[in-house]
Amino acid sequence: MMVKRDYSGNLHRTLPAVTESVTSIQESFMNAAQPSTVKRSQNLPLFCKPIAVLSFAMVAIPYIESLALADATTQPLVQGTDISFVGKFGITNAAIGCQGFTYGGRGMSFWKDGSGRKTLFMQGHDYRPECAGQVQVPADAQLKSAATNYSNLTMATVLQAPAVYSIDPSGVNRFGGSGLDSNNGNPIVTQGFLVYNGRLIITAQNTYSFYQTASIASKGSTTLSAPDFSSLGFQGFSSAVTANPRSASGYIFLIPPEWRGSTLFNAPAMTGNCCWSVISTSSGGPALTTFNPDDVGVVNPVPGKTVLHYQTPTTPVSCPTDGACQSNVFNLTSRVIGGGFVPNTRTVFFVEGHGTGPYCYGTAAECGNDTVMSDVKGPHAQPYRYQILAYDANELISVKNGTLQTHQPRPYNQASPWVLPELDGNDPRGHGAAFDPETGRLYVRVLDGNSPQVYVYQFAVPIGGPVTVSPVTLPTPGTLRIVP
């Protein structure tokens, strides 16, 4: 009998013969005295690895939950060759709702709604950061090549035009000076969305000051088509316990179930942020804090555990000048726009816009006539690209357990970050990257002005080699525990 886990974490049982005995399976594990090796099928994707020990959960015989948690730390790492470009689609540039989706897209996040539709939440126009909308991802057959002009792209179906989401039950708009610290007029932006237990959690921050975290309770539950942005029942902003205020106000995503145990991350979700001025109030590289979304709006500040954070002058690379240097991993032109935790692997990844050339601080003219960031007086390092930085979750667990400091984990692909060549030459100040853990799809939106478009990538890894499974001690016969 072989039991495999698909990408979403669901278990599937394959019986080589109908007459296979449950008793023989149980006896084979009871007789195991030494660690065993389970060979992975060469033809299965990474997210369908056989996990023999999970057979107990499928056949309603004793199962040790801690074994599944322990096995998470031996799961494989994603590699750059496992990521491919699928295609791209457009989003209407019509001025719908509060100024539409143009010059926006911040906080882009994936959600599969109650009808099974694959959708993306995102902030609307940057001039209206208190507005958010939702679009449906087109079918694969409708995606176009990277070179396709905007006018020839398939447009996503708009499920919700951007609407003001921050109206509290009394009718007061809590976004801006009445909610977040406006810091003398510096703009506030929406940074991430997460549907969890019938509520929509939203992160937001001031672009040049301190952050807050926003909690929004949707009317109804997540089985509805979507939380209605125009009538969410806004609960207000909550602060969070983290290494640095503005390192937990951006991208937000779930931790795979197999990594949530008390000996691992001991939390269901992660949030983080990076690279905002002033860099000392953010993080000099990707950052992550684990937390429980159910605490948002209930406990203030929201408790959490920071497992990745680079307090300047520390950065993911050796850069003695707080990121003001040439690097293929991080400098002060870098902007992390999203990420995810790939189920059935140890890989936590981040999508980063980054300048790889000689570092310069000044105007575009002073810095080699930078035509990409021509409006910037500040860091320049053309040419620019988008890339993925990947971390081993085991190192983040070491931070959680106190054996590493938050700045000590390094991307395991730092020698050669995984470049997304379809995005070469774009402004590194991209607006959003959303990950669908069920299908392995990654959606990226760069700074696209009046031609909003989304690039789609696929994580799909053929695997080989052994998985080490520790021996188990089964409960007393007759004791039954079903673990979903």
Protein backbone atom coordinates (compact mmCIF):
# COMPACT_ATOMS: atom_id res chain seq x y z
CA MET A 1 0.00 0.00 0.00
CA MET A 2 1.25 3.47 -0.81
CA VAL A 3 -0.11 6.69 0.60
CA LYS A 4 0.81 9.95 -1.03
CA ARG A 5 0.11 13.57 -0.20
CA ASP A 6 -0.93 15.91 -2.98
CA TYR A 7 0.09 19.56 -3.23
CA SER A 8 -2.75 20.77 -1.03
CA GLY A 9 -1.78 18.39 1.74
CA ASN A 10 -4.60 15.92 1.05
CA LEU A 11 -3.82 12.25 1.45
CA HIS A 12 -4.58 9.65 -1.20
CA ARG A 13 -4.35 5.91 -0.80
CA THR A 14 -3.27 3.60 -3.62
CA LEU A 15 -3.88 -0.12 -3.15
CA PRO A 16 -1.74 -2.43 -5.33
CA ALA A 17 -4.28 -5.19 -4.57
CA VAL A 18 -7.76 -4.98 -3.17
CA THR A 19 -7.02 -7.85 -0.82
CA GLU A 20 -4.13 -6.05 0.90
CA SER A 21 -4.51 -6.46 4.63
CA VAL A 22 -4.55 -3.58 7.05
CA THR A 23 -3.15 -5.97 9.61
CA SER A 24 -0.04 -6.60 7.53
CA ILE A 25 0.58 -2.89 7.23
CA GLN A 26 0.31 -2.44 10.97
CA GLU A 27 2.57 -5.40 11.65
CA SER A 28 5.21 -4.12 9.24
CA PHE A 29 5.50 -0.92 11.25
CA MET A 30 5.39 -2.68 14.60
CA ASN A 31 8.27 -4.88 13.54
CA ALA A 32 10.38 -1.97 12.33
CA ALA A 33 13.33 -1.55 14.69
CA GLN A 34 15.57 0.66 12.55
CA PRO A 35 14.94 3.82 10.50
CA SER A 36 13.62 2.85 7.12
CA THR A 37 14.01 4.46 3.73
CA VAL A 38 11.04 5.10 1.51
CA LYS A 39 11.88 5.67 -2.14
CA ARG A 40 10.10 8.51 -3.84
CA SER A 41 8.54 7.78 -7.18
CA GLN A 42 10.57 9.38 -9.94
CA ASN A 43 7.38 10.27 -11.80
CA LEU A 44 5.58 12.02 -8.97
CA PRO A 45 5.80 15.76 -8.53
CA LEU A 46 7.38 16.99 -5.36
CA PHE A 47 3.99 17.60 -3.88
CA CYS A 48 2.91 13.95 -4.21
CA LYS A 49 5.66 12.27 -2.24
CA PRO A 50 4.87 8.88 -0.73
CA ILE A 51 4.70 9.03 3.06
CA ALA A 52 4.18 5.49 4.20
CA VAL A 53 3.75 6.40 7.85
CA LEU A 54 0.61 8.38 7.00
CA SER A 55 -1.19 5.22 5.94
CA PHE A 56 -2.57 4.90 9.45
CA ALA A 57 -4.56 8.09 9.00
CA MET A 58 -6.18 6.69 5.89
CA VAL A 59 -7.12 3.23 7.15
CA ALA A 60 -8.42 4.24 10.58
CA ILE A 61 -5.75 2.50 12.62
CA PRO A 62 -3.40 4.06 15.18
CA TYR A 63 -1.37 7.02 13.90
CA ILE A 64 1.26 9.13 15.61
CA GLU A 65 0.74 12.80 14.75
CA SER A 66 4.21 13.77 15.98
CA LEU A 67 5.78 11.53 13.34
CA ALA A 68 4.23 13.58 10.55
CA LEU A 69 5.54 16.74 12.17
CA ALA A 70 9.01 15.28 12.55
CA ASP A 71 9.01 14.19 8.93
CA ALA A 72 8.46 17.79 7.80
CA THR A 73 12.07 18.63 8.66
CA THR A 74 13.34 15.95 6.25
CA GLN A 75 11.28 17.14 3.29
CA PRO A 76 13.17 18.26 0.16
CA LEU A 77 14.13 21.76 -0.95
CA VAL A 78 12.76 23.36 -4.11
CA GLN A 79 15.37 24.16 -6.77
CA GLY A 80 15.42 26.89 -9.38
CA THR A 81 14.92 24.45 -12.24
CA ASP A 82 11.60 23.50 -10.66
CA ILE A 83 10.03 26.86 -11.53
CA SER A 84 8.69 27.67 -14.99
CA PHE A 85 6.82 30.51 -16.66
CA VAL A 86 3.23 29.66 -17.61
CA GLY A 87 1.92 32.88 -19.16
CA LYS A 88 0.35 36.20 -18.28
CA PHE A 89 -3.01 37.94 -18.27
CA GLY A 90 -4.28 41.48 -17.95
CA ILE A 91 -6.53 43.39 -15.58
CA THR A 92 -8.80 46.11 -16.88
CA ASN A 93 -7.46 49.66 -16.85
CA ALA A 94 -10.96 51.13 -16.66
CA ALA A 95 -11.58 53.57 -13.80
CA ILE A 96 -14.01 51.29 -11.98
CA GLY A 97 -14.80 51.55 -8.28
CA CYS A 98 -12.41 53.93 -6.57
CA GLN A 99 -10.06 54.64 -9.49
CA GLY A 100 -9.67 51.05 -10.65
CA PHE A 101 -6.65 48.71 -10.60
CA THR A 102 -4.13 50.84 -12.50
CA TYR A 103 -0.98 52.04 -10.74
CA GLY A 104 -1.81 49.61 -7.98
CA GLY A 105 -1.84 45.94 -7.09
CA ARG A 106 -0.08 46.20 -3.74
CA GLY A 107 -0.62 43.33 -1.35
CA MET A 108 -1.74 40.96 -4.10
CA SER A 109 -2.81 37.72 -2.42
CA PHE A 110 -4.40 34.48 -3.61
CA TRP A 111 -7.70 33.05 -2.43
CA LYS A 112 -9.72 30.12 -3.75
CA ASP A 113 -13.27 31.13 -2.99
CA GLY A 114 -16.20 28.99 -1.87
CA SER A 115 -17.20 28.38 -5.47
CA GLY A 116 -13.78 27.01 -6.35
CA ARG A 117 -12.73 30.07 -8.32
CA LYS A 118 -9.06 31.06 -8.22
CA THR A 119 -8.98 34.73 -7.29
CA LEU A 120 -6.58 37.51 -6.38
CA PHE A 121 -7.16 40.26 -3.84
CA MET A 122 -5.18 43.47 -4.31
CA GLN A 123 -5.12 47.15 -3.47
CA GLY A 124 -6.51 49.44 -6.12
CA HIS A 125 -4.87 52.63 -7.39
CA ASP A 126 -2.03 53.96 -5.23
CA TYR A 127 -3.95 57.21 -4.82
CA ARG A 128 -6.68 55.23 -3.04
CA PRO A 129 -4.80 52.74 -0.85
CA GLU A 130 -7.83 52.23 1.38
CA CYS A 131 -9.55 50.53 -1.57
CA ALA A 132 -9.24 46.86 -2.49
CA GLY A 133 -10.71 44.64 -5.19
CA GLN A 134 -10.79 41.08 -6.43
CA VAL A 135 -10.32 39.44 -9.83
CA GLN A 136 -10.66 35.87 -11.09
CA VAL A 137 -7.60 34.21 -12.65
CA PRO A 138 -8.25 33.16 -16.28
CA ALA A 139 -7.90 29.54 -17.36
CA ASP A 140 -4.46 28.38 -18.51
CA ALA A 141 -5.60 28.21 -22.12
CA GLN A 142 -6.25 31.97 -21.99
CA LEU A 143 -2.80 32.96 -20.74
CA LYS A 144 -0.49 34.65 -23.21
CA SER A 145 3.27 34.78 -23.78
CA ALA A 146 5.47 37.23 -21.91
CA ALA A 147 5.96 39.28 -25.09
CA THR A 148 2.22 39.82 -25.67
CA ASN A 149 1.15 43.46 -25.65
CA TYR A 150 -1.30 44.53 -22.98
CA SER A 151 -4.07 45.20 -25.51
CA ASN A 152 -3.91 41.56 -26.68
CA LEU A 153 -4.00 39.97 -23.24
CA THR A 154 -6.96 38.05 -21.84
CA MET A 155 -8.51 40.23 -19.14
CA ALA A 156 -9.28 38.78 -15.74
CA THR A 157 -12.93 38.79 -14.70
CA VAL A 158 -13.50 41.50 -12.11
CA LEU A 159 -15.36 40.03 -9.14
CA GLN A 160 -15.18 43.19 -7.05
CA ALA A 161 -14.20 46.61 -8.29
CA PRO A 162 -11.93 48.41 -5.80
CA ALA A 163 -14.01 49.62 -2.85
CA VAL A 164 -13.22 51.29 0.47
CA TYR A 165 -12.73 48.46 2.95
CA SER A 166 -11.90 50.46 6.08
CA ILE A 167 -15.36 51.69 7.10
CA ASP A 168 -16.13 50.62 10.65
CA PRO A 169 -19.65 49.70 11.81
CA SER A 170 -20.28 53.30 12.88
CA GLY A 171 -19.53 54.55 9.37
CA VAL A 172 -16.10 56.04 10.12
CA ASN A 173 -13.23 55.45 7.68
CA ARG A 174 -10.43 54.16 9.90
CA PHE A 175 -7.77 54.33 7.18
CA GLY A 176 -5.41 57.30 7.22
CA GLY A 177 -4.94 59.75 10.04
CA SER A 178 -7.77 58.26 12.10
CA GLY A 179 -6.29 54.76 11.92
CA LEU A 180 -2.68 54.50 10.86
CA ASP A 181 0.04 56.97 11.80
CA SER A 182 -0.05 59.43 8.89
CA ASN A 183 3.44 60.74 9.73
CA ASN A 184 2.89 64.23 8.38
CA GLY A 185 1.19 63.10 5.20
CA ASN A 186 3.41 60.27 4.01
CA PRO A 187 1.25 57.76 2.11
CA ILE A 188 -0.15 54.62 3.65
CA VAL A 189 -0.45 51.45 1.58
CA THR A 190 -2.27 48.13 1.86
CA GLN A 191 0.22 45.28 1.91
CA GLY A 192 -1.45 41.88 2.22
CA PHE A 193 -4.66 39.86 2.55
CA LEU A 194 -5.40 36.54 4.26
CA VAL A 195 -8.75 34.80 4.61
CA TYR A 196 -8.78 32.83 7.85
CA ASN A 197 -11.68 31.37 9.86
CA GLY A 198 -14.31 33.52 8.21
CA ARG A 199 -12.40 36.80 8.49
CA LEU A 200 -10.23 38.76 6.12
CA ILE A 201 -6.97 39.87 7.74
CA ILE A 202 -5.29 42.81 6.02
CA THR A 203 -1.84 44.29 6.62
CA ALA A 204 -1.02 47.93 5.95
CA GLN A 205 1.77 50.39 6.68
CA ASN A 206 2.97 53.95 6.30
CA THR A 207 5.58 54.16 3.53
CA TYR A 208 7.96 56.26 5.58
CA SER A 209 7.17 55.60 9.20
CA PHE A 210 5.81 52.90 11.50
CA TYR A 211 3.27 50.28 10.51
CA GLN A 212 0.06 48.92 11.90
CA THR A 213 -1.73 45.64 11.18
CA ALA A 214 -5.38 45.83 10.17
CA SER A 215 -8.04 43.32 11.19
CA ILE A 216 -11.23 43.04 9.17
CA ALA A 217 -14.14 40.72 9.92
CA SER A 218 -16.09 39.67 6.85
CA LYS A 219 -19.86 39.29 6.97
CA GLY A 220 -20.65 35.61 6.64
CA SER A 221 -17.93 33.02 6.21
CA THR A 222 -15.28 32.03 3.71
CA THR A 223 -17.79 29.72 2.02
CA LEU A 224 -19.30 32.83 0.46
CA SER A 225 -18.17 33.85 -3.00
CA ALA A 226 -15.94 36.48 -1.41
CA PRO A 227 -15.77 38.88 1.49
CA ASP A 228 -17.53 42.05 0.34
CA PHE A 229 -15.00 44.87 0.53
CA SER A 230 -17.73 47.48 0.68
CA SER A 231 -19.31 46.02 3.84
CA LEU A 232 -16.76 44.04 5.79
CA GLY A 233 -17.40 45.36 9.26
CA PHE A 234 -14.01 46.93 9.85
CA GLN A 235 -12.59 46.24 13.31
CA GLY A 236 -9.68 48.65 13.29
CA PHE A 237 -5.92 48.36 13.43
CA SER A 238 -3.83 46.29 15.81
CA SER A 239 -0.11 46.44 16.44
CA ALA A 240 2.02 43.31 16.55
CA VAL A 241 4.85 41.91 18.62
CA THR A 242 7.82 41.65 16.28
CA ALA A 243 11.52 42.38 16.00
CA ASN A 244 10.85 45.65 14.25
CA PRO A 245 7.53 47.46 13.72
CA ARG A 246 7.60 47.64 9.92
CA SER A 247 8.90 44.12 9.32
CA ALA A 248 5.48 42.54 9.96
CA SER A 249 3.15 44.67 7.89
CA GLY A 250 3.48 43.28 4.37
CA TYR A 251 3.14 39.87 2.70
CA ILE A 252 1.09 37.37 4.69
CA PHE A 253 0.62 33.63 4.08
CA LEU A 254 -0.24 30.35 5.75
CA ILE A 255 2.23 27.84 7.17
CA PRO A 256 1.60 24.32 5.79
CA PRO A 257 -0.22 22.11 8.35
CA GLU A 258 2.74 19.76 8.72
CA TRP A 259 4.87 22.67 9.99
CA ARG A 260 2.44 24.07 12.59
CA GLY A 261 3.17 21.72 15.50
CA SER A 262 4.45 22.97 18.83
CA THR A 263 7.94 21.61 18.13
CA LEU A 264 8.01 23.43 14.80
CA PHE A 265 6.56 26.91 14.11
CA ASN A 266 3.68 26.53 16.58
CA ALA A 267 1.56 28.92 14.52
CA PRO A 268 -0.65 28.81 11.43
CA ALA A 269 0.56 31.91 9.57
CA MET A 270 3.48 34.22 8.80
CA THR A 271 3.74 37.88 7.93
CA GLY A 272 6.74 40.00 7.00
CA ASN A 273 8.04 43.04 5.18
CA CYS A 274 11.28 44.38 3.85
CA CYS A 275 13.27 47.17 2.45
CA TRP A 276 11.26 50.31 3.22
CA SER A 277 12.77 53.65 4.03
CA VAL A 278 13.97 54.33 6.58
CA ILE A 279 15.63 50.90 6.37
CA SER A 280 16.39 50.84 10.11
CA THR A 281 12.63 50.82 10.78
CA SER A 282 12.09 47.88 8.43
CA SER A 283 14.44 45.00 7.62
CA GLY A 284 17.60 44.83 5.52
CA GLY A 285 16.34 41.68 3.83
CA PRO A 286 13.31 39.38 3.97
CA ALA A 287 11.59 39.20 7.35
CA LEU A 288 9.04 36.82 8.88
CA THR A 289 7.04 36.70 12.10
CA THR A 290 4.76 33.77 12.92
CA PHE A 291 1.38 34.50 14.47
CA ASN A 292 -2.18 33.25 14.88
CA PRO A 293 -4.65 35.23 12.73
CA ASP A 294 -7.38 34.51 15.29
CA ASP A 295 -5.50 36.82 17.68
CA VAL A 296 -5.83 39.83 15.35
CA GLY A 297 -8.47 42.17 16.70
CA VAL A 298 -8.73 40.13 19.89
CA VAL A 299 -5.30 40.49 21.49
CA ASN A 300 -3.48 43.81 21.16
CA PRO A 301 -0.63 43.76 20.47
CA VAL A 302 -0.90 40.57 18.44
CA PRO A 303 1.62 38.05 19.82
CA GLY A 304 4.12 36.56 17.42
CA LYS A 305 7.58 35.06 17.06
CA THR A 306 10.07 36.64 14.67
CA VAL A 307 12.05 33.94 12.85
CA LEU A 308 13.76 36.09 10.19
CA HIS A 309 14.82 39.72 10.37
CA TYR A 310 17.88 41.74 9.38
CA GLN A 311 18.32 44.71 11.67
CA THR A 312 20.74 47.08 9.98
CA PRO A 313 23.65 46.88 9.52
CA THR A 314 22.96 43.15 9.05
CA THR A 315 21.74 41.99 5.62
CA PRO A 316 21.55 38.61 3.84
CA VAL A 317 24.94 39.39 2.26
CA SER A 318 28.22 40.78 3.49
CA CYS A 319 27.65 44.49 2.97
CA PRO A 320 29.43 46.73 5.48
CA THR A 321 27.44 49.82 4.52
CA ASP A 322 23.86 48.86 5.46
CA GLY A 323 23.01 47.56 1.99
CA ALA A 324 24.68 50.37 0.04
CA CYS A 325 26.71 48.01 -2.12
CA GLN A 326 26.70 45.90 -5.27
CA SER A 327 25.26 42.44 -4.68
CA ASN A 328 23.28 39.75 -6.48
CA VAL A 329 21.11 39.16 -3.37
CA PHE A 330 20.32 42.43 -1.60
CA ASN A 331 21.05 46.15 -1.59
CA LEU A 332 19.06 49.31 -0.99
CA THR A 333 17.33 49.02 -4.38
CA SER A 334 15.79 45.69 -3.35
CA ARG A 335 12.08 45.31 -2.66
CA VAL A 336 10.50 42.05 -1.45
CA ILE A 337 6.94 41.98 -2.81
CA GLY A 338 5.65 38.63 -1.59
CA GLY A 339 6.43 35.01 -0.94
CA GLY A 340 5.14 31.71 0.32
CA PHE A 341 5.81 28.43 2.07
CA VAL A 342 5.78 25.51 -0.37
CA PRO A 343 3.88 22.55 1.16
CA ASN A 344 5.65 19.19 1.41
CA THR A 345 9.02 20.95 1.20
CA ARG A 346 11.33 22.91 3.49
CA THR A 347 11.29 25.92 1.16
CA VAL A 348 10.13 29.36 2.24
CA PHE A 349 10.63 31.79 -0.64
CA PHE A 350 10.45 35.49 -1.42
CA VAL A 351 10.01 37.37 -4.70
CA GLU A 352 12.38 40.32 -4.89
CA GLY A 353 12.91 43.19 -7.29
CA HIS A 354 16.63 43.96 -7.30
CA GLY A 355 19.37 46.00 -8.95
CA THR A 356 22.51 44.02 -9.73
CA GLY A 357 24.78 46.77 -11.06
CA PRO A 358 27.18 49.18 -9.30
CA TYR A 359 25.45 50.87 -6.39
CA CYS A 360 24.93 54.63 -6.55
CA TYR A 361 22.99 57.11 -4.44
CA GLY A 362 21.73 60.23 -6.18
CA THR A 363 19.48 61.30 -9.03
CA ALA A 364 18.98 59.17 -12.12
CA ALA A 365 21.29 61.49 -14.06
CA GLU A 366 23.97 61.33 -11.39
CA CYS A 367 23.77 57.53 -11.35
CA GLY A 368 24.46 56.64 -14.94
CA ASN A 369 21.24 57.99 -16.43
CA ASP A 370 19.00 55.37 -14.86
CA THR A 371 15.99 55.26 -17.19
CA VAL A 372 14.10 52.67 -15.14
CA MET A 373 13.98 54.60 -11.86
CA SER A 374 14.20 58.03 -13.44
CA ASP A 375 12.02 59.60 -10.74
CA VAL A 376 14.25 58.52 -7.85
CA LYS A 377 16.76 60.53 -5.91
CA GLY A 378 18.14 57.69 -3.86
CA PRO A 379 19.55 54.21 -4.47
CA HIS A 380 20.25 53.05 -8.03
CA ALA A 381 21.91 49.86 -9.29
CA GLN A 382 20.81 49.21 -12.88
CA PRO A 383 20.25 46.76 -14.53
CA TYR A 384 17.24 45.48 -12.62
CA ARG A 385 15.64 42.06 -12.41
CA TYR A 386 13.16 40.00 -10.42
CA GLN A 387 14.36 36.92 -8.59
CA ILE A 388 13.44 34.41 -5.92
CA LEU A 389 15.34 34.03 -2.65
CA ALA A 390 14.78 30.66 -0.96
CA TYR A 391 15.28 29.76 2.70
CA ASP A 392 15.41 26.41 4.47
CA ALA A 393 12.58 26.27 7.03
CA ASN A 394 14.82 24.26 9.33
CA GLU A 395 16.99 27.35 9.83
CA LEU A 396 13.93 29.40 10.71
CA ILE A 397 12.95 26.74 13.25
CA SER A 398 16.44 27.13 14.73
CA VAL A 399 15.72 30.84 15.20
CA LYS A 400 12.40 30.03 16.82
CA ASN A 401 14.18 27.63 19.18
CA GLY A 402 16.90 30.17 20.02
CA THR A 403 19.90 28.42 18.46
CA LEU A 404 20.21 31.01 15.67
CA GLN A 405 19.64 34.76 15.71
CA THR A 406 17.11 36.32 13.34
CA HIS A 407 19.80 37.65 10.98
CA GLN A 408 21.76 34.41 10.69
CA PRO A 409 19.68 32.39 8.19
CA ARG A 410 20.82 32.89 4.61
CA PRO A 411 19.10 32.04 1.32
CA TYR A 412 20.26 28.58 0.31
CA ASN A 413 20.32 29.84 -3.29
CA GLN A 414 22.28 33.01 -2.54
CA ALA A 415 25.13 31.98 -4.85
CA SER A 416 22.67 32.07 -7.73
CA PRO A 417 19.19 33.47 -6.98
CA TRP A 418 16.48 32.16 -9.28
CA VAL A 419 15.88 34.86 -11.88
CA LEU A 420 12.46 35.42 -13.47
CA PRO A 421 13.74 36.53 -16.90
CA GLU A 422 10.30 37.53 -18.20
CA LEU A 423 10.47 40.47 -15.77
CA ASP A 424 13.99 41.68 -16.61
CA GLY A 425 14.32 45.44 -16.92
CA ASN A 426 11.19 46.29 -14.94
CA ASP A 427 11.23 48.76 -12.08
CA PRO A 428 12.24 46.76 -8.97
CA ARG A 429 9.56 48.48 -6.89
CA GLY A 430 6.98 45.84 -7.79
CA HIS A 431 3.61 45.68 -6.12
CA GLY A 432 2.69 42.10 -5.41
CA ALA A 433 3.47 38.39 -5.53
CA ALA A 434 0.80 35.85 -4.53
CA PHE A 435 1.23 32.10 -4.07
CA ASP A 436 -1.40 29.38 -4.34
CA PRO A 437 -0.18 26.50 -2.15
CA GLU A 438 -2.76 24.08 -3.54
CA THR A 439 -1.55 24.20 -7.14
CA GLY A 440 1.95 25.66 -6.79
CA ARG A 441 1.09 28.72 -8.85
CA LEU A 442 2.91 32.01 -8.30
CA TYR A 443 1.37 35.29 -9.51
CA VAL A 444 3.56 38.39 -9.86
CA ARG A 445 2.58 41.97 -10.63
CA VAL A 446 5.28 44.55 -11.24
CA LEU A 447 5.05 48.34 -11.44
CA ASP A 448 2.91 48.37 -14.59
CA GLY A 449 1.23 51.79 -14.57
CA ASN A 450 -1.83 52.01 -16.80
CA SER A 451 -1.43 48.47 -18.18
CA PRO A 452 -2.01 46.16 -15.19
CA GLN A 453 -0.91 42.59 -15.90
CA VAL A 454 -0.03 39.49 -13.92
CA TYR A 455 2.75 37.00 -14.71
CA VAL A 456 2.08 33.37 -13.78
CA TYR A 457 4.73 30.82 -12.74
CA GLN A 458 4.53 27.17 -11.74
CA PHE A 459 6.39 25.32 -9.00
CA ALA A 460 6.61 21.70 -10.18
CA VAL A 461 9.49 19.52 -9.07
CA PRO A 462 10.22 15.96 -10.18
CA ILE A 463 12.01 14.32 -7.29
CA GLY A 464 14.29 11.40 -6.60
CA GLY A 465 16.20 10.00 -3.69
CA PRO A 466 15.17 8.67 -0.29
CA VAL A 467 13.02 10.02 2.47
CA THR A 468 14.20 8.91 5.91
CA VAL A 469 11.37 7.78 8.15
CA SER A 470 12.05 7.32 11.87
CA PRO A 471 10.75 4.19 13.61
CA VAL A 472 7.46 4.58 15.49
CA THR A 473 6.00 3.16 18.65
CA LEU A 474 2.36 2.30 18.07
CA PRO A 475 -0.30 2.82 20.74
CA THR A 476 -1.88 -0.08 22.60
CA PRO A 477 -4.02 -2.19 20.22
CA GLY A 478 -7.60 -1.02 20.27
CA THR A 479 -6.67 2.66 20.70
CA LEU A 480 -7.92 4.59 17.68
CA ARG A 481 -7.09 8.11 16.63
CA ILE A 482 -8.00 9.62 13.28
CA VAL A 483 -5.88 12.60 12.24
CA PRO A 484 -7.42 14.59 9.37
